[in-house]
Protein backbone atom coordinates (compact mmCIF):
# COMPACT_ATOMS: atom_id res chain seq x y z
CA MET A 1 133.44 108.29 128.22
CA ALA A 2 132.34 107.07 124.76
CA SER A 3 128.74 107.47 123.70
CA MET A 4 126.67 104.41 122.88
CA ALA A 5 126.90 105.30 119.17
CA GLN A 6 130.70 105.37 119.38
CA ARG A 7 130.82 102.04 121.22
CA LEU A 8 128.44 100.25 118.89
CA GLY A 9 129.43 101.84 115.61
CA THR A 10 127.04 103.45 113.16
CA HIS A 11 125.85 100.18 111.63
CA SER A 12 124.81 98.79 115.01
CA VAL A 13 123.08 102.05 115.94
CA HIS A 14 121.02 101.82 112.76
CA SER A 15 120.25 98.18 113.58
CA VAL A 16 119.01 99.15 117.04
CA GLU A 17 116.95 102.01 115.58
CA ALA A 18 115.45 99.70 112.92
CA LEU A 19 114.59 97.09 115.55
CA ARG A 20 112.85 99.70 117.70
CA LEU A 21 110.85 100.85 114.69
CA TYR A 22 109.90 97.27 113.81
CA ARG A 23 108.72 96.62 117.37
CA GLU A 24 106.67 99.83 117.34
CA ILE A 25 105.07 98.75 114.07
CA LEU A 26 104.17 95.35 115.56
CA ARG A 27 102.72 97.01 118.69
CA THR A 28 100.64 99.28 116.48
CA LEU A 29 99.38 96.38 114.37
CA ARG A 30 98.18 94.54 117.48
CA ARG A 31 95.70 97.38 117.94
CA PHE A 32 93.92 96.59 114.65
CA ASP A 33 90.55 94.92 115.07
CA ASP A 34 90.41 93.56 111.53
CA ARG A 35 92.59 90.45 111.31
CA ALA A 36 93.02 90.60 107.52
CA THR A 37 94.26 94.20 107.66
CA ARG A 38 96.59 93.37 110.53
CA ILE A 39 98.06 90.40 108.63
CA TYR A 40 98.44 92.46 105.43
CA TYR A 41 100.46 95.18 107.16
CA TYR A 42 102.44 92.65 109.20
CA ASN A 43 103.51 90.87 106.01
CA TYR A 44 104.24 94.21 104.31
CA ALA A 45 106.47 95.35 107.19
CA ARG A 46 108.26 92.02 107.52
CA THR A 47 108.95 91.82 103.79
CA HIS A 48 110.40 95.32 103.67
CA PHE A 49 112.55 94.83 106.75
CA MET A 50 113.89 91.56 105.32
CA GLN A 51 114.62 93.19 101.93
CA HIS A 52 116.80 95.85 103.51
CA GLN A 53 118.50 93.93 106.32
CA GLU A 54 121.79 93.66 104.41
CA GLU A 55 121.90 97.34 103.41
CA GLU A 56 125.27 98.82 104.39
CA ASP A 57 125.12 102.37 103.02
CA GLU A 58 124.55 104.48 106.15
CA GLU A 59 122.75 107.24 104.27
CA ARG A 60 120.43 104.76 102.56
CA VAL A 61 119.72 102.97 105.85
CA GLN A 62 118.75 106.28 107.46
CA GLU A 63 116.46 107.08 104.49
CA ILE A 64 114.76 103.69 104.84
CA ILE A 65 114.26 104.17 108.59
CA GLU A 66 112.80 107.66 108.06
CA ARG A 67 110.47 106.26 105.40
CA GLY A 68 109.35 103.57 107.85
CA LYS A 69 108.64 106.19 110.53
CA ASN A 70 106.62 108.25 108.06
CA ASP A 71 104.70 105.15 106.94
CA LEU A 72 103.93 104.31 110.59
CA ARG A 73 102.63 107.85 111.22
CA TRP A 74 100.48 107.58 108.08
CA LEU A 75 99.13 104.18 109.15
CA LYS A 76 98.23 105.47 112.63
CA ALA A 77 96.50 108.52 111.16
CA LYS A 78 94.62 106.49 108.52
CA TYR A 79 93.20 104.06 111.06
CA GLY A 80 92.74 106.56 113.90
CA LEU A 81 95.43 105.01 116.08
CA ASP A 82 97.34 108.21 116.77
CA ASP A 83 95.26 108.96 119.87
CA GLN A 84 96.59 109.80 123.34
CA GLU A 85 98.90 106.77 123.44
CA LYS A 86 102.49 107.88 123.94
CA GLU A 87 104.63 107.36 120.88
CA GLU A 88 108.04 105.88 121.49
CA ASP A 89 111.03 107.98 120.52
CA TYR A 90 112.71 105.67 118.00
């Protein structure tokens, strides 16, 4: 039986992974009390996801996704949002 990655192809797997990351970012931003900060990071995330949506180089896509995960960890740590809440496995 073929794995999901084999059925979808690498590009689709990266798309699914990127979408999961984007959703996790949005869920995290909903936890911000300050509306201006929330809007700033929402616009930042949306802009960067839009800029890279046509990227086809698999290695580059993986680098961008890893950078996004690191940025999310940094954001949670900076604003004290990395508490007991279970982090999703992207």
